[in-house]
Amino acid sequence: MIAVNSLRLRLLVGAVIWITLALAAAGTLLAALFRAHVDRRLEAELTIQVEQISAALERGAAGQLILTHQPSDPRFRKPYSGSYWQVDGAEGPIFRSRSLWDVALGLPRDASPDGAVHRHRLSGPEGQRLIVVERTVTLPDTPGAYRVIAATDEADLTAAAAAFTRTLVLSLAVLAAALFAAAAMQVRVGLRPLHRLRAGIAAIREGSIKRLQGSFPTETQPLVEDLNALLQRNEEIVSRGRIQAGNLAHGLKTPLSILANEVDRLVADGAPQLAGSMRGQITTMQQQIDYHLARARAAASIDVPGARVPVAPSVAAIQRTLARLYVGRDLQFTIDIPADHVFRGEQQDLEEMLGNLMDNACKWARGRVAITSRRDDGRLTMVIEDDGPGLPAEQQGFALTAGARFDENVPGTGLGLAIVRDLVSLYSGAIALGSSGLGGLRAELTLPAG
């Protein structure tokens, strides 16, 4: 279905309108030219008949007017056939064709007796409309003049014009259909580069390609070049933002490390209470730096086109890291991630979210951690489950707030799930906590699929 505000529809409608108008004008002109041509041919034929009859007029031996021979056209012998001739004298008709039967044609009285051919329209037998050609002739040594008339039914002209018009309309209709099809094909071919451009942009958005590739027409090539330059500029801005964020993190962590060393010196100098207070503040600062740097990195990369990350390799890398981290726990990982499941976003963000959720599952699991994924309607849903104690329903919502901790004996900062929540929000995704079939916590992460 073509949208109302469509360039293709506008071009097609414009082509249809102009083709229709052009063919209508051409058809009207051709029909008029044909009728005029037939009319001239008909008048020429009648003129020849008048001349033939005029040539057959002679003065007889007794002084009377005679007609040496009659036109040979058989239509002149059939009554009311539509073809007639007549010779008029001063007192009225002298000779006439058999086709007139008992009817005489009456010419207007004001006909010019100049010997030239004149044309009239008269009423004929049985209500026929006649085209009449007449000429006034004189004979040598004969007083007076005679009017020679040849006539034909106008219906013949009308019928010929109507037949031609029907054929013309049918031909123009076929031509119009062919031109409409040609216009549709031309629009399709002409707009094909725009479809390629749209497909290329969609591929960039999905992460299949980084730049628009191939040659485009002269009219769209500047747009392609500007868009590629914009994409490159965007990547450079994001890259600089990440570098600056990394520099900021490094610049802050170094003073924090120095302060941590000073805390150890305070302990050695006999001020353990002050040292404990400072160590708590340093830890809090470190957590906040990590938290906000993760948000800043995700916010800078969320709209970068072309970001596309396979999920399975990232999950496998995180699983190997966690297996080494929790080597004494003997955890069993069950991973079911199809190879074609792809996240439309940055790899660091995906690993940040999955890493926090999988790490949380490993901390609380008794022995099993399961990671699965499914794809539906452009969305990718990953489920992380464990067989730990889980969370009561009333605590599941609170677990996603920053700094939420339910057991101080388990290592952690309380910011992991909050970071996941914020990253998911930036990607217009969703995270939900629930009870797992394994007995522990179930975290369901929904993100845009590539």
Protein backbone atom coordinates (compact mmCIF):
# COMPACT_ATOMS: atom_id res chain seq x y z
CA MET A 1 0.00 0.00 0.00
CA ILE A 2 1.35 3.41 -0.99
CA ALA A 3 1.18 6.11 1.67
CA VAL A 4 -0.67 9.33 0.87
CA ASN A 5 2.43 11.43 1.51
CA SER A 6 4.53 9.34 -0.86
CA LEU A 7 6.95 10.58 -3.50
CA ARG A 8 6.09 7.55 -5.62
CA LEU A 9 2.38 8.37 -5.40
CA ARG A 10 3.00 11.99 -6.35
CA LEU A 11 5.06 11.01 -9.39
CA LEU A 12 2.53 8.39 -10.48
CA VAL A 13 -0.44 10.74 -10.06
CA GLY A 14 1.39 13.49 -11.95
CA ALA A 15 2.29 11.09 -14.77
CA VAL A 16 -1.28 9.75 -14.99
CA ILE A 17 -2.75 13.27 -15.10
CA TRP A 18 -0.38 14.54 -17.79
CA ILE A 19 -0.64 11.37 -19.89
CA THR A 20 -4.44 11.50 -19.70
CA LEU A 21 -4.56 15.17 -20.64
CA ALA A 22 -2.05 14.73 -23.47
CA LEU A 23 -3.87 11.72 -24.94
CA ALA A 24 -7.24 13.42 -24.58
CA ALA A 25 -5.95 16.49 -26.42
CA ALA A 26 -4.28 14.33 -29.07
CA GLY A 27 -7.44 12.25 -29.52
CA THR A 28 -9.63 15.34 -29.87
CA LEU A 29 -7.25 16.86 -32.41
CA LEU A 30 -6.94 13.63 -34.42
CA ALA A 31 -10.71 13.14 -34.49
CA ALA A 32 -11.19 16.72 -35.69
CA LEU A 33 -8.48 16.33 -38.34
CA PHE A 34 -10.01 13.07 -39.57
CA ARG A 35 -13.48 14.57 -39.82
CA ALA A 36 -12.09 17.57 -41.68
CA HIS A 37 -10.19 15.27 -44.04
CA VAL A 38 -13.29 13.14 -44.74
CA ASP A 39 -15.33 16.30 -45.21
CA ARG A 40 -12.85 17.64 -47.79
CA ARG A 41 -12.77 14.31 -49.60
CA LEU A 42 -16.56 14.23 -49.64
CA GLU A 43 -16.77 17.78 -51.00
CA ALA A 44 -14.17 16.94 -53.66
CA GLU A 45 -16.21 13.90 -54.72
CA LEU A 46 -19.40 15.94 -54.94
CA THR A 47 -17.55 18.60 -56.94
CA ILE A 48 -16.41 15.95 -59.45
CA GLN A 49 -20.00 14.73 -59.78
CA VAL A 50 -21.20 18.29 -60.42
CA GLU A 51 -18.57 18.71 -63.13
CA GLN A 52 -19.52 15.40 -64.73
CA ILE A 53 -23.19 16.38 -64.86
CA SER A 54 -22.31 19.86 -66.13
CA ALA A 55 -20.24 18.32 -68.93
CA ALA A 56 -23.20 16.14 -69.94
CA LEU A 57 -25.54 19.13 -70.47
CA GLU A 58 -26.11 20.06 -74.14
CA ARG A 59 -28.63 21.89 -76.31
CA GLY A 60 -30.63 19.50 -78.47
CA ALA A 61 -31.53 19.88 -82.18
CA ALA A 62 -34.92 21.29 -81.25
CA GLY A 63 -33.36 23.78 -78.88
CA GLN A 64 -34.24 21.91 -75.70
CA LEU A 65 -31.76 21.08 -72.90
CA ILE A 66 -30.66 17.45 -72.88
CA LEU A 67 -28.43 15.30 -70.62
CA THR A 68 -26.21 13.14 -72.80
CA HIS A 69 -25.38 10.67 -70.02
CA GLN A 70 -25.97 10.23 -66.28
CA PRO A 71 -23.47 9.45 -63.51
CA SER A 72 -22.77 5.73 -63.30
CA ASP A 73 -22.81 5.51 -59.48
CA PRO A 74 -25.52 2.92 -58.59
CA ARG A 75 -26.48 4.89 -55.48
CA PHE A 76 -28.10 7.50 -57.75
CA ARG A 77 -30.58 4.83 -58.94
CA LYS A 78 -31.66 3.56 -55.52
CA PRO A 79 -34.53 5.56 -53.98
CA TYR A 80 -33.57 7.66 -50.98
CA SER A 81 -30.08 6.14 -50.92
CA GLY A 82 -28.55 9.36 -49.60
CA SER A 83 -26.73 10.20 -52.88
CA TYR A 84 -28.57 12.63 -55.19
CA TRP A 85 -28.11 14.97 -58.15
CA GLN A 86 -30.35 17.55 -59.74
CA VAL A 87 -30.31 20.17 -62.53
CA ASP A 88 -32.47 23.29 -62.00
CA GLY A 89 -33.50 25.85 -64.58
CA ALA A 90 -35.32 29.15 -64.29
CA GLU A 91 -38.64 27.38 -63.78
CA GLY A 92 -37.39 24.70 -61.38
CA PRO A 93 -35.91 21.18 -61.61
CA ILE A 94 -35.26 19.90 -65.10
CA PHE A 95 -33.35 16.68 -64.42
CA ARG A 96 -32.84 14.74 -61.19
CA SER A 97 -31.53 11.39 -60.04
CA ARG A 98 -33.83 8.41 -59.65
CA SER A 99 -32.76 8.25 -56.01
CA LEU A 100 -34.77 11.44 -55.34
CA TRP A 101 -37.88 9.62 -56.53
CA ASP A 102 -40.63 12.26 -56.37
CA VAL A 103 -38.77 14.76 -54.20
CA ALA A 104 -37.01 17.86 -55.49
CA LEU A 105 -34.22 19.61 -53.65
CA GLY A 106 -34.85 23.27 -52.99
CA LEU A 107 -31.75 25.47 -53.03
CA PRO A 108 -31.71 28.86 -51.34
CA ARG A 109 -32.66 31.69 -53.68
CA ASP A 110 -29.66 33.80 -52.83
CA ALA A 111 -27.14 31.37 -54.33
CA SER A 112 -24.46 33.29 -56.20
CA PRO A 113 -24.59 32.62 -59.98
CA ASP A 114 -20.86 33.24 -60.42
CA GLY A 115 -19.93 29.82 -61.75
CA ALA A 116 -18.02 28.90 -58.59
CA VAL A 117 -18.74 25.85 -56.51
CA HIS A 118 -20.90 26.55 -53.45
CA ARG A 119 -21.70 24.34 -50.47
CA HIS A 120 -24.97 24.16 -48.56
CA ARG A 121 -26.70 22.06 -45.94
CA LEU A 122 -30.29 21.15 -46.76
CA SER A 123 -33.07 18.88 -45.60
CA GLY A 124 -33.51 15.90 -47.88
CA PRO A 125 -35.94 13.01 -48.29
CA GLU A 126 -37.12 11.27 -45.12
CA GLY A 127 -35.57 13.94 -42.91
CA GLN A 128 -32.03 13.37 -44.11
CA ARG A 129 -29.48 16.11 -43.52
CA LEU A 130 -27.70 16.65 -46.83
CA ILE A 131 -24.36 18.17 -47.74
CA VAL A 132 -24.97 19.88 -51.08
CA VAL A 133 -22.48 21.17 -53.63
CA GLU A 134 -23.93 23.31 -56.44
CA ARG A 135 -22.61 25.26 -59.36
CA THR A 136 -24.27 27.62 -61.86
CA VAL A 137 -23.41 26.82 -65.49
CA THR A 138 -24.32 28.40 -68.84
CA LEU A 139 -24.31 26.87 -72.32
CA PRO A 140 -23.03 28.61 -75.47
CA ASP A 141 -25.68 30.41 -77.51
CA THR A 142 -28.22 29.61 -74.80
CA PRO A 143 -29.94 32.26 -72.73
CA GLY A 144 -30.24 31.73 -68.97
CA ALA A 145 -28.24 29.65 -66.52
CA TYR A 146 -28.64 26.26 -64.96
CA ARG A 147 -27.82 25.12 -61.42
CA VAL A 148 -26.21 21.69 -61.15
CA ILE A 149 -26.50 20.01 -57.74
CA ALA A 150 -24.84 16.95 -56.15
CA ALA A 151 -25.76 15.94 -52.60
CA THR A 152 -25.02 13.22 -50.05
CA ASP A 153 -26.38 12.32 -46.65
CA GLU A 154 -24.34 13.82 -43.79
CA ALA A 155 -24.91 10.57 -41.87
CA ASP A 156 -22.19 8.96 -43.97
CA LEU A 157 -19.70 11.53 -42.75
CA THR A 158 -20.91 11.17 -39.17
CA ALA A 159 -20.73 7.38 -39.34
CA ALA A 160 -17.18 7.44 -40.72
CA ALA A 161 -16.10 9.92 -38.04
CA ALA A 162 -17.78 7.84 -35.31
CA ALA A 163 -16.09 4.64 -36.49
CA PHE A 164 -12.73 6.37 -36.58
CA THR A 165 -13.34 7.87 -33.11
CA ARG A 166 -14.17 4.44 -31.65
CA THR A 167 -11.01 2.96 -33.11
CA LEU A 168 -9.02 5.98 -31.96
CA VAL A 169 -10.38 5.79 -28.41
CA LEU A 170 -9.57 2.07 -28.18
CA SER A 171 -6.06 2.68 -29.54
CA LEU A 172 -5.45 5.58 -27.18
CA ALA A 173 -6.74 3.51 -24.25
CA VAL A 174 -4.22 0.78 -25.05
CA LEU A 175 -1.52 3.41 -25.46
CA ALA A 176 -2.53 5.01 -22.14
CA ALA A 177 -2.27 1.66 -20.35
CA ALA A 178 1.17 1.11 -21.86
CA LEU A 179 2.27 4.64 -20.89
CA PHE A 180 0.92 4.20 -17.36
CA ALA A 181 2.87 0.96 -17.02
CA ALA A 182 5.97 2.65 -18.44
CA ALA A 183 5.53 5.57 -16.00
CA ALA A 184 5.15 3.17 -13.08
CA MET A 185 8.29 1.30 -14.17
CA GLN A 186 10.15 4.58 -14.64
CA VAL A 187 9.15 5.75 -11.15
CA ARG A 188 10.16 2.40 -9.70
CA VAL A 189 13.54 2.44 -11.44
CA GLY A 190 14.06 6.13 -10.72
CA LEU A 191 13.35 5.74 -7.00
CA ARG A 192 15.39 2.55 -6.64
CA PRO A 193 18.46 4.48 -5.39
CA LEU A 194 16.30 5.91 -2.59
CA HIS A 195 15.26 2.37 -1.64
CA ARG A 196 18.92 1.37 -1.63
CA LEU A 197 19.65 4.39 0.53
CA ARG A 198 16.90 3.45 2.97
CA ALA A 199 18.05 -0.19 3.06
CA GLY A 200 21.62 0.98 3.70
CA ILE A 201 20.53 3.19 6.59
CA ALA A 202 18.52 0.30 8.04
CA ALA A 203 21.58 -1.94 7.74
CA ILE A 204 23.68 0.68 9.54
CA ARG A 205 21.09 0.92 12.29
CA GLU A 206 21.06 -2.87 12.66
CA GLY A 207 24.85 -3.01 12.67
CA SER A 208 25.36 -4.96 9.44
CA ILE A 209 27.51 -2.21 7.94
CA LYS A 210 29.26 0.91 9.20
CA ARG A 211 28.98 3.12 6.11
CA LEU A 212 26.81 3.45 3.03
CA GLN A 213 28.52 1.57 0.24
CA GLY A 214 28.27 1.45 -3.55
CA SER A 215 27.70 4.06 -6.21
CA PHE A 216 24.62 6.28 -6.20
CA PRO A 217 23.21 8.67 -8.81
CA THR A 218 24.63 12.16 -9.05
CA GLU A 219 21.54 13.61 -7.36
CA THR A 220 21.87 11.46 -4.21
CA GLN A 221 25.65 11.01 -4.04
CA PRO A 222 26.19 14.27 -2.06
CA LEU A 223 23.61 13.07 0.48
CA VAL A 224 25.41 9.73 0.81
CA GLU A 225 28.76 11.44 1.29
CA ASP A 226 27.35 13.84 3.90
CA LEU A 227 25.69 10.97 5.76
CA ASN A 228 28.90 8.93 5.80
CA ALA A 229 30.79 11.98 7.04
CA LEU A 230 28.18 12.47 9.77
CA LEU A 231 28.50 8.83 10.85
CA GLN A 232 32.27 9.13 11.00
CA ARG A 233 31.99 12.36 12.97
CA ASN A 234 29.58 10.73 15.39
CA GLU A 235 31.94 7.82 15.95
CA GLU A 236 34.79 10.22 16.59
CA ILE A 237 32.74 12.16 19.15
CA VAL A 238 31.76 8.97 20.96
CA SER A 239 35.33 7.74 20.89
CA ARG A 240 36.60 11.01 22.38
CA GLY A 241 33.87 10.85 25.01
CA ARG A 242 34.96 7.38 26.04
CA ILE A 243 38.59 8.42 26.18
CA GLN A 244 37.69 11.42 28.32
CA ALA A 245 35.56 9.24 30.60
CA GLY A 246 38.48 6.82 30.94
CA ASN A 247 40.86 9.67 31.67
CA LEU A 248 38.47 11.00 34.30
CA ALA A 249 38.22 7.58 35.92
CA HIS A 250 42.01 7.22 35.93
CA GLY A 251 42.44 10.74 37.26
CA LEU A 252 40.08 10.06 40.15
CA LYS A 253 41.23 6.56 40.97
CA THR A 254 44.84 7.59 41.40
CA PRO A 255 44.06 10.09 44.23
CA LEU A 256 41.72 7.51 45.75
CA SER A 257 44.52 4.94 45.76
CA ILE A 258 46.77 7.48 47.49
CA LEU A 259 44.06 8.13 50.08
CA ALA A 260 43.69 4.39 50.61
CA ASN A 261 47.42 4.16 51.31
CA GLU A 262 47.11 7.01 53.77
CA VAL A 263 44.33 5.09 55.52
CA ASP A 264 46.71 2.18 56.02
CA ARG A 265 49.22 4.62 57.53
CA LEU A 266 46.55 5.89 59.91
CA VAL A 267 45.98 2.35 61.10
CA ALA A 268 49.68 1.96 61.65
CA ASP A 269 49.77 5.28 63.52
CA GLY A 270 47.10 4.11 65.94
CA ALA A 271 43.97 5.76 64.56
CA PRO A 272 41.87 2.78 63.43
CA GLN A 273 38.54 4.53 63.96
CA LEU A 274 39.44 7.43 61.68
CA ALA A 275 40.95 5.00 59.21
CA GLY A 276 37.74 2.97 59.09
CA SER A 277 35.63 6.04 58.48
CA MET A 278 37.89 7.23 55.67
CA ARG A 279 37.99 3.77 54.08
CA GLY A 280 34.17 3.73 53.98
CA GLN A 281 34.06 7.11 52.29
CA ILE A 282 36.73 6.08 49.76
CA THR A 283 34.76 2.93 48.92
CA THR A 284 31.59 4.96 48.45
CA MET A 285 33.41 7.38 46.15
CA GLN A 286 34.80 4.48 44.12
CA GLN A 287 31.33 2.97 43.75
CA GLN A 288 29.82 6.25 42.63
CA ILE A 289 32.59 6.79 40.07
CA ASP A 290 32.01 3.34 38.59
CA TYR A 291 28.26 3.84 38.59
CA HIS A 292 28.20 7.22 36.87
CA LEU A 293 30.96 6.35 34.41
CA ALA A 294 28.90 3.36 33.28
CA ARG A 295 25.88 5.61 32.77
CA ALA A 296 27.94 8.21 30.90
CA ARG A 297 29.49 5.60 28.63
CA ALA A 298 26.11 4.10 27.77
CA ALA A 299 24.50 7.49 27.20
CA ALA A 300 27.30 8.43 24.79
CA SER A 301 26.99 5.24 22.76
CA ILE A 302 23.26 4.57 22.81
CA ASP A 303 22.56 6.32 19.50
CA VAL A 304 25.66 5.18 17.64
CA PRO A 305 24.39 3.48 14.47
CA GLY A 306 25.86 0.16 13.50
CA ALA A 307 26.41 -1.13 17.05
CA ARG A 308 25.68 -4.85 16.93
CA VAL A 309 26.97 -7.50 19.33
CA PRO A 310 26.48 -11.31 19.27
CA VAL A 311 25.27 -12.37 22.70
CA ALA A 312 26.71 -15.88 22.94
CA PRO A 313 30.44 -14.88 22.86
CA SER A 314 29.90 -12.21 25.52
CA VAL A 315 28.06 -14.64 27.82
CA ALA A 316 30.79 -17.24 27.32
CA ALA A 317 33.53 -14.71 28.18
CA ILE A 318 31.72 -13.60 31.34
CA GLN A 319 31.11 -17.21 32.34
CA ARG A 320 34.81 -18.03 32.06
CA THR A 321 35.72 -15.01 34.18
CA LEU A 322 33.16 -15.88 36.87
CA ALA A 323 34.23 -19.52 36.87
CA ARG A 324 37.76 -18.42 37.77
CA LEU A 325 36.48 -15.89 40.31
CA TYR A 326 34.30 -18.46 42.08
CA VAL A 327 36.61 -21.41 41.52
CA GLY A 328 36.04 -22.74 45.05
CA ARG A 329 32.24 -22.80 44.69
CA ASP A 330 32.08 -25.53 42.01
CA LEU A 331 29.25 -23.75 40.17
CA GLN A 332 27.52 -25.43 37.26
CA PHE A 333 26.59 -23.11 34.38
CA THR A 334 23.77 -23.96 31.94
CA ILE A 335 23.93 -21.69 28.89
CA ASP A 336 21.44 -21.78 26.04
CA ILE A 337 22.12 -18.78 23.76
CA PRO A 338 21.48 -19.30 20.01
CA ALA A 339 24.36 -18.14 17.83
CA ASP A 340 22.15 -15.76 15.82
CA HIS A 341 20.95 -13.79 18.84
CA VAL A 342 22.40 -10.30 18.51
CA PHE A 343 22.11 -7.25 20.76
CA ARG A 344 21.71 -3.88 19.01
CA GLY A 345 24.04 -1.80 21.13
CA GLU A 346 27.55 -1.56 22.47
CA GLN A 347 29.48 -4.62 23.65
CA GLN A 348 30.69 -2.91 26.84
CA ASP A 349 27.12 -2.09 27.83
CA LEU A 350 25.92 -5.64 27.16
CA GLU A 351 28.77 -7.11 29.20
CA GLU A 352 28.14 -4.57 31.97
CA MET A 353 24.51 -5.65 32.27
CA LEU A 354 25.06 -9.39 31.88
CA GLY A 355 28.17 -9.31 34.06
CA ASN A 356 26.31 -7.72 36.98
CA LEU A 357 23.35 -10.08 36.70
CA MET A 358 25.48 -13.21 36.29
CA ASP A 359 27.81 -12.11 39.08
CA ASN A 360 24.81 -11.56 41.36
CA ALA A 361 23.50 -15.02 40.47
CA CYS A 362 26.89 -16.59 41.24
CA LYS A 363 27.10 -14.84 44.64
CA TRP A 364 23.78 -16.30 45.80
CA ALA A 365 23.67 -19.62 43.91
CA ARG A 366 24.09 -22.86 45.81
CA GLY A 367 25.46 -24.68 42.76
CA ARG A 368 23.59 -23.86 39.55
CA VAL A 369 23.32 -20.81 37.28
CA ALA A 370 21.29 -20.86 34.05
CA ILE A 371 21.39 -18.30 31.23
CA THR A 372 18.94 -18.52 28.31
CA SER A 373 17.66 -16.15 25.62
CA ARG A 374 14.81 -15.81 23.15
CA ARG A 375 13.98 -13.35 20.39
CA ASP A 376 10.53 -11.99 19.55
CA ASP A 377 9.34 -8.99 17.46
CA GLY A 378 12.69 -7.24 17.38
CA ARG A 379 13.32 -7.71 21.10
CA LEU A 380 15.88 -9.94 22.77
CA THR A 381 15.03 -11.41 26.17
CA MET A 382 17.79 -12.94 28.32
CA VAL A 383 16.98 -14.82 31.51
CA ILE A 384 19.52 -15.37 34.33
CA GLU A 385 18.48 -17.80 37.07
CA ASP A 386 20.11 -19.35 40.12
CA ASP A 387 19.22 -21.96 42.72
CA GLY A 388 19.94 -19.71 45.68
CA PRO A 389 17.56 -18.49 48.41
CA GLY A 390 15.92 -15.95 46.07
CA LEU A 391 14.08 -12.81 47.18
CA PRO A 392 10.62 -12.36 48.59
CA ALA A 393 8.25 -10.57 46.22
CA GLU A 394 8.15 -7.45 48.40
CA GLN A 395 11.95 -7.07 48.17
CA GLN A 396 12.31 -7.65 44.41
CA GLY A 397 11.42 -4.07 43.47
CA PHE A 398 13.73 -2.60 46.13
CA ALA A 399 16.63 -4.70 44.86
CA LEU A 400 16.93 -2.49 41.76
CA THR A 401 17.58 0.70 43.74
CA ALA A 402 21.11 2.06 44.12
CA GLY A 403 22.95 0.69 47.17
CA ALA A 404 20.33 -1.92 48.03
CA ARG A 405 21.91 -4.81 49.99
CA PHE A 406 20.17 -7.59 51.90
CA ASP A 407 23.15 -9.40 53.38
CA GLU A 408 26.27 -7.51 54.44
CA ASN A 409 28.20 -10.78 54.65
CA VAL A 410 28.04 -11.25 50.88
CA PRO A 411 30.63 -9.12 49.03
CA GLY A 412 29.26 -6.32 46.84
CA THR A 413 28.50 -2.65 46.55
CA GLY A 414 24.74 -2.74 46.07
CA LEU A 415 25.09 -0.80 42.80
CA GLY A 416 25.21 -3.68 40.31
CA LEU A 417 21.47 -4.06 39.74
CA ALA A 418 21.02 -0.28 39.77
CA ILE A 419 23.60 0.03 36.98
CA VAL A 420 21.75 -2.65 35.02
CA ARG A 421 18.45 -0.83 35.56
CA ASP A 422 19.85 2.48 34.27
CA LEU A 423 21.56 0.92 31.24
CA VAL A 424 18.39 -0.96 30.35
CA SER A 425 16.41 2.28 30.60
CA LEU A 426 18.83 4.02 28.21
CA TYR A 427 18.24 1.27 25.65
CA SER A 428 14.45 1.49 26.12
CA GLY A 429 14.51 -2.04 27.48
CA ALA A 430 13.14 -3.63 30.64
CA ILE A 431 14.34 -5.67 33.59
CA ALA A 432 12.13 -7.73 35.86
CA LEU A 433 12.95 -9.83 38.91
CA GLY A 434 10.97 -12.89 39.92
CA SER A 435 11.18 -16.37 41.32
CA SER A 436 13.18 -18.96 39.41
CA GLY A 437 12.16 -22.50 38.67
CA LEU A 438 15.54 -23.49 40.11
CA GLY A 439 14.45 -22.11 43.46
CA GLY A 440 16.35 -18.82 43.50
CA LEU A 441 16.10 -15.45 41.76
CA ARG A 442 15.08 -14.99 38.12
CA ALA A 443 16.26 -11.84 36.30
CA GLU A 444 14.65 -11.20 32.90
CA LEU A 445 16.46 -8.68 30.74
CA THR A 446 14.74 -7.36 27.56
CA LEU A 447 16.80 -5.37 25.05
CA PRO A 448 16.60 -4.38 21.36
CA ALA A 449 17.68 -7.17 19.03
CA GLY A 450 20.00 -6.73 16.08
